[in-house]
C-alpha atoms as a PDB file:
ATOM      1  CA  MET A   1     164.587  87.425 120.296  1.00  0.00           C
ATOM      2  CA  VAL A   2     162.294  87.705 123.328  1.00  0.00           C
ATOM      3  CA  ASN A   3     159.906  90.046 121.544  1.00  0.00           C
ATOM      4  CA  GLU A   4     159.726  87.708 118.557  1.00  0.00           C
ATOM      5  CA  ARG A   5     158.707  84.771 120.770  1.00  0.00           C
ATOM      6  CA  LEU A   6     156.090  86.898 122.502  1.00  0.00           C
ATOM      7  CA  TRP A   7     154.692  87.924 119.127  1.00  0.00           C
ATOM      8  CA  GLN A   8     154.695  84.316 117.949  1.00  0.00           C
ATOM      9  CA  ARG A   9     152.838  83.104 121.066  1.00  0.00           C
ATOM     10  CA  THR A  10     150.288  85.885 120.735  1.00  0.00           C
ATOM     11  CA  TRP A  11     149.781  85.115 117.067  1.00  0.00           C
ATOM     12  CA  GLU A  12     149.358  81.380 117.719  1.00  0.00           C
ATOM     13  CA  GLN A  13     146.823  82.045 120.477  1.00  0.00           C
ATOM     14  CA  SER A  14     144.813  84.316 118.226  1.00  0.00           C
ATOM     15  CA  LEU A  15     144.657  81.590 115.571  1.00  0.00           C
ATOM     16  CA  GLN A  16     142.943  79.112 117.859  1.00  0.00           C
ATOM     17  CA  PRO A  17     139.476  78.138 116.550  1.00  0.00           C
ATOM     18  CA  ASP A  18     137.781  79.528 119.656  1.00  0.00           C
ATOM     19  CA  ALA A  19     139.408  82.918 119.172  1.00  0.00           C
ATOM     20  CA  LEU A  20     138.547  83.342 115.486  1.00  0.00           C
ATOM     21  CA  ALA A  21     134.773  83.492 115.645  1.00  0.00           C
ATOM     22  CA  PRO A  22     132.183  83.982 118.312  1.00  0.00           C
ATOM     23  CA  ARG A  23     130.450  80.905 119.569  1.00  0.00           C
ATOM     24  CA  ALA A  24     127.426  79.920 117.548  1.00  0.00           C
ATOM     25  CA  SER A  25     124.104  80.397 119.240  1.00  0.00           C
ATOM     26  CA  GLY A  26     120.812  78.780 118.280  1.00  0.00           C
ATOM     27  CA  VAL A  27     119.610  81.931 116.492  1.00  0.00           C
ATOM     28  CA  SER A  28     120.974  82.876 113.076  1.00  0.00           C
ATOM     29  CA  LEU A  29     122.548  86.262 112.452  1.00  0.00           C
ATOM     30  CA  SER A  30     119.697  87.360 110.180  1.00  0.00           C
ATOM     31  CA  ASP A  31     117.144  86.537 112.897  1.00  0.00           C
ATOM     32  CA  GLN A  32     119.226  88.432 115.453  1.00  0.00           C
ATOM     33  CA  LEU A  33     119.294  91.466 113.139  1.00  0.00           C
ATOM     34  CA  LEU A  34     115.528  91.219 112.577  1.00  0.00           C
ATOM     35  CA  ASP A  35     114.950  91.087 116.319  1.00  0.00           C
ATOM     36  CA  GLU A  36     117.197  94.101 116.913  1.00  0.00           C
ATOM     37  CA  LEU A  37     115.492  96.117 114.164  1.00  0.00           C
ATOM     38  CA  SER A  38     112.070  95.120 115.515  1.00  0.00           C
ATOM     39  CA  ASP A  39     113.092  96.218 119.001  1.00  0.00           C
ATOM     40  CA  PHE A  40     114.392  99.506 117.601  1.00  0.00           C
ATOM     41  CA  GLY A  41     111.167 100.103 115.642  1.00  0.00           C
ATOM     42  CA  ASN A  42     109.042  99.299 118.677  1.00  0.00           C
ATOM     43  CA  GLU A  43     111.161 101.617 120.827  1.00  0.00           C
ATOM     44  CA  VAL A  44     110.594 104.412 118.302  1.00  0.00           C
ATOM     45  CA  GLY A  45     106.896 103.507 118.345  1.00  0.00           C
ATOM     46  CA  ALA A  46     106.756 103.726 122.141  1.00  0.00           C
ATOM     47  CA  HIS A  47     108.340 107.186 122.048  1.00  0.00           C
ATOM     48  CA  LEU A  48     105.963 108.201 119.249  1.00  0.00           C
ATOM     49  CA  ASP A  49     103.011 107.077 121.390  1.00  0.00           C
ATOM     50  CA  THR A  50     104.246 109.095 124.338  1.00  0.00           C
ATOM     51  CA  LEU A  51     105.170 112.235 122.418  1.00  0.00           C
ATOM     52  CA  SER A  52     101.882 112.304 120.504  1.00  0.00           C
ATOM     53  CA  MET A  53      99.807 111.601 123.647  1.00  0.00           C
ATOM     54  CA  GLU A  54      98.745 108.260 122.138  1.00  0.00           C
ATOM     55  CA  LEU A  55      97.488 109.781 118.889  1.00  0.00           C
ATOM     56  CA  LEU A  56     100.047 107.911 116.759  1.00  0.00           C
ATOM     57  CA  ALA A  57     101.027 104.256 117.015  1.00  0.00           C
ATOM     58  CA  LEU A  58     103.774 102.179 115.421  1.00  0.00           C
ATOM     59  CA  ARG A  59     104.435  98.483 115.996  1.00  0.00           C
ATOM     60  CA  VAL A  60     107.061  96.431 114.142  1.00  0.00           C
ATOM     61  CA  ASP A  61     107.244  92.645 113.778  1.00  0.00           C
ATOM     62  CA  GLY A  62     110.400  91.913 111.815  1.00  0.00           C
ATOM     63  CA  ARG A  63     110.096  88.141 111.819  1.00  0.00           C
ATOM     64  CA  ARG A  64     106.625  88.234 110.262  1.00  0.00           C
ATOM     65  CA  ARG A  65     107.622  91.257 108.091  1.00  0.00           C
ATOM     66  CA  ARG A  66     104.702  93.349 109.315  1.00  0.00           C
ATOM     67  CA  VAL A  67     104.327  96.933 110.482  1.00  0.00           C
ATOM     68  CA  HIS A  68     101.201  98.290 112.176  1.00  0.00           C
ATOM     69  CA  VAL A  69     100.563 102.040 111.920  1.00  0.00           C
ATOM     70  CA  GLY A  70      97.696 103.859 113.587  1.00  0.00           C
ATOM     71  CA  VAL A  71      96.342 107.390 113.898  1.00  0.00           C
ATOM     72  CA  ARG A  72      93.481 108.288 116.204  1.00  0.00           C
ATOM     73  CA  GLY A  73      91.889 111.270 117.809  1.00  0.00           C
ATOM     74  CA  GLY A  74      88.803 112.467 119.615  1.00  0.00           C
ATOM     75  CA  GLU A  75      86.370 110.699 121.895  1.00  0.00           C
ATOM     76  CA  ARG A  76      83.780 108.185 120.714  1.00  0.00           C
ATOM     77  CA  GLN A  77      80.885 109.918 122.435  1.00  0.00           C
ATOM     78  CA  TYR A  78      81.506 113.187 120.551  1.00  0.00           C
ATOM     79  CA  LEU A  79      83.695 112.912 117.485  1.00  0.00           C
ATOM     80  CA  SER A  80      86.381 110.324 116.843  1.00  0.00           C
ATOM     81  CA  PHE A  81      88.556 109.335 113.938  1.00  0.00           C
ATOM     82  CA  ARG A  82      90.810 106.289 113.691  1.00  0.00           C
ATOM     83  CA  VAL A  83      92.923 104.909 110.897  1.00  0.00           C
ATOM     84  CA  GLY A  84      94.728 101.606 111.258  1.00  0.00           C
ATOM     85  CA  SER A  85      97.011 100.109 108.624  1.00  0.00           C
ATOM     86  CA  GLU A  86      99.019  96.943 108.421  1.00  0.00           C
ATOM     87  CA  LEU A  87     101.902  96.738 105.992  1.00  0.00           C
ATOM     88  CA  HIS A  88     103.107  93.269 105.043  1.00  0.00           C
ATOM     89  CA  PHE A  89     106.396  93.174 103.132  1.00  0.00           C
ATOM     90  CA  VAL A  90     106.646  90.157 100.833  1.00  0.00           C
ATOM     91  CA  ASP A  91     108.180  89.389  97.414  1.00  0.00           C
ATOM     92  CA  GLY A  92     109.629  92.879  96.965  1.00  0.00           C
ATOM     93  CA  LEU A  93     106.389  94.723  97.560  1.00  0.00           C
ATOM     94  CA  ALA A  94     104.270  95.963 100.431  1.00  0.00           C
ATOM     95  CA  ARG A  95     100.677  94.864 100.886  1.00  0.00           C
ATOM     96  CA  VAL A  96      98.659  97.460 102.760  1.00  0.00           C
ATOM     97  CA  THR A  97      95.348  96.804 104.492  1.00  0.00           C
ATOM     98  CA  THR A  98      93.610  99.810 106.011  1.00  0.00           C
ATOM     99  CA  GLN A  99      90.601 100.315 108.245  1.00  0.00           C
ATOM    100  CA  ILE A 100      88.961 103.669 108.942  1.00  0.00           C
ATOM    101  CA  GLU A 101      86.584 104.356 111.802  1.00  0.00           C
ATOM    102  CA  LEU A 102      84.599 107.576 112.132  1.00  0.00           C
ATOM    103  CA  GLY A 103      82.442 108.175 115.180  1.00  0.00           C
ATOM    104  CA  ILE A 104      79.915 110.986 115.563  1.00  0.00           C
ATOM    105  CA  ALA A 105      77.788 111.297 118.700  1.00  0.00           C
ATOM    106  CA  GLY A 106      78.251 107.642 119.609  1.00  0.00           C
ATOM    107  CA  HIS A 107      77.469 106.300 116.109  1.00  0.00           C
ATOM    108  CA  LEU A 108      80.332 104.499 114.377  1.00  0.00           C
ATOM    109  CA  LEU A 109      81.059 104.126 110.693  1.00  0.00           C
ATOM    110  CA  GLU A 110      83.695 101.506 109.939  1.00  0.00           C
ATOM    111  CA  VAL A 111      85.215 101.188 106.471  1.00  0.00           C
ATOM    112  CA  GLU A 112      87.751  98.620 105.365  1.00  0.00           C
ATOM    113  CA  LEU A 113      89.641  99.739 102.276  1.00  0.00           C
ATOM    114  CA  PRO A 114      90.637  97.206  99.622  1.00  0.00           C
ATOM    115  CA  LEU A 115      94.081  95.682  99.697  1.00  0.00           C
ATOM    116  CA  LEU A 116      96.733  97.880  98.081  1.00  0.00           C
ATOM    117  CA  GLU A 117     100.061  96.670  96.781  1.00  0.00           C
ATOM    118  CA  VAL A 118     102.958  99.108  96.659  1.00  0.00           C
ATOM    119  CA  ALA A 119     105.984  98.171  94.562  1.00  0.00           C
ATOM    120  CA  PRO A 120     109.149 100.028  93.586  1.00  0.00           C
ATOM    121  CA  THR A 121     109.460 100.902  89.905  1.00  0.00           C
ATOM    122  CA  ALA A 122     111.634 102.904  87.530  1.00  0.00           C
ATOM    123  CA  TYR A 123     110.728 104.822  84.376  1.00  0.00           C
ATOM    124  CA  ARG A 124     113.416 106.404  82.187  1.00  0.00           C
ATOM    125  CA  GLY A 125     115.914 106.299  85.001  1.00  0.00           C
ATOM    126  CA  GLU A 126     113.602 107.891  87.558  1.00  0.00           C
ATOM    127  CA  ARG A 127     112.708 105.766  90.544  1.00  0.00           C
ATOM    128  CA  GLY A 128     109.204 105.769  91.901  1.00  0.00           C
ATOM    129  CA  VAL A 129     106.428 103.759  93.449  1.00  0.00           C
ATOM    130  CA  GLU A 130     103.717 101.806  91.685  1.00  0.00           C
ATOM    131  CA  ILE A 131     100.421 101.478  93.544  1.00  0.00           C
ATOM    132  CA  ARG A 132      98.366  98.464  92.547  1.00  0.00           C
ATOM    133  CA  LEU A 133      94.721  97.992  93.377  1.00  0.00           C
ATOM    134  CA  PRO A 134      93.849  94.373  92.638  1.00  0.00           C
ATOM    135  CA  ILE A 135      90.253  94.253  91.452  1.00  0.00           C
ATOM    136  CA  LEU A 136      90.150  90.506  90.954  1.00  0.00           C
ATOM    137  CA  SER A 137      92.457  88.190  92.799  1.00  0.00           C
ATOM    138  CA  GLY A 138      92.390  84.460  93.105  1.00  0.00           C
ATOM    139  CA  ARG A 139      94.508  81.490  93.885  1.00  0.00           C
ATOM    140  CA  PHE A 140      94.594  78.314  91.890  1.00  0.00           C
END
């Protein structure tokens, strides 16, 4: 009889509204997950920077759905090469903007590539990626 009362008290305490769910904070669960994934991506990026002696870069902004990727090498006064890309994930596809910088003996050549759109696709059961190069784009 004593054990049954103890079990009943424990069960009743666990059914209190405060015990069922954690207290709500001002930030939604999806935003908390985005922040955690952004922090994880930026931590990986920091380690990538260190391990590659700052030749590779990775920055993640989960809230804005953007990833910055960079590759660089050399010195500007002799020979340098830099590639910087920004990936923006929206509407089920990734929009990629890329800039390339080539430096030879202090002279720089900067090229900005056109916007690419990368979307998942399937053909006869095989999954793949469709790369779109918008030639004309406009908004009405």
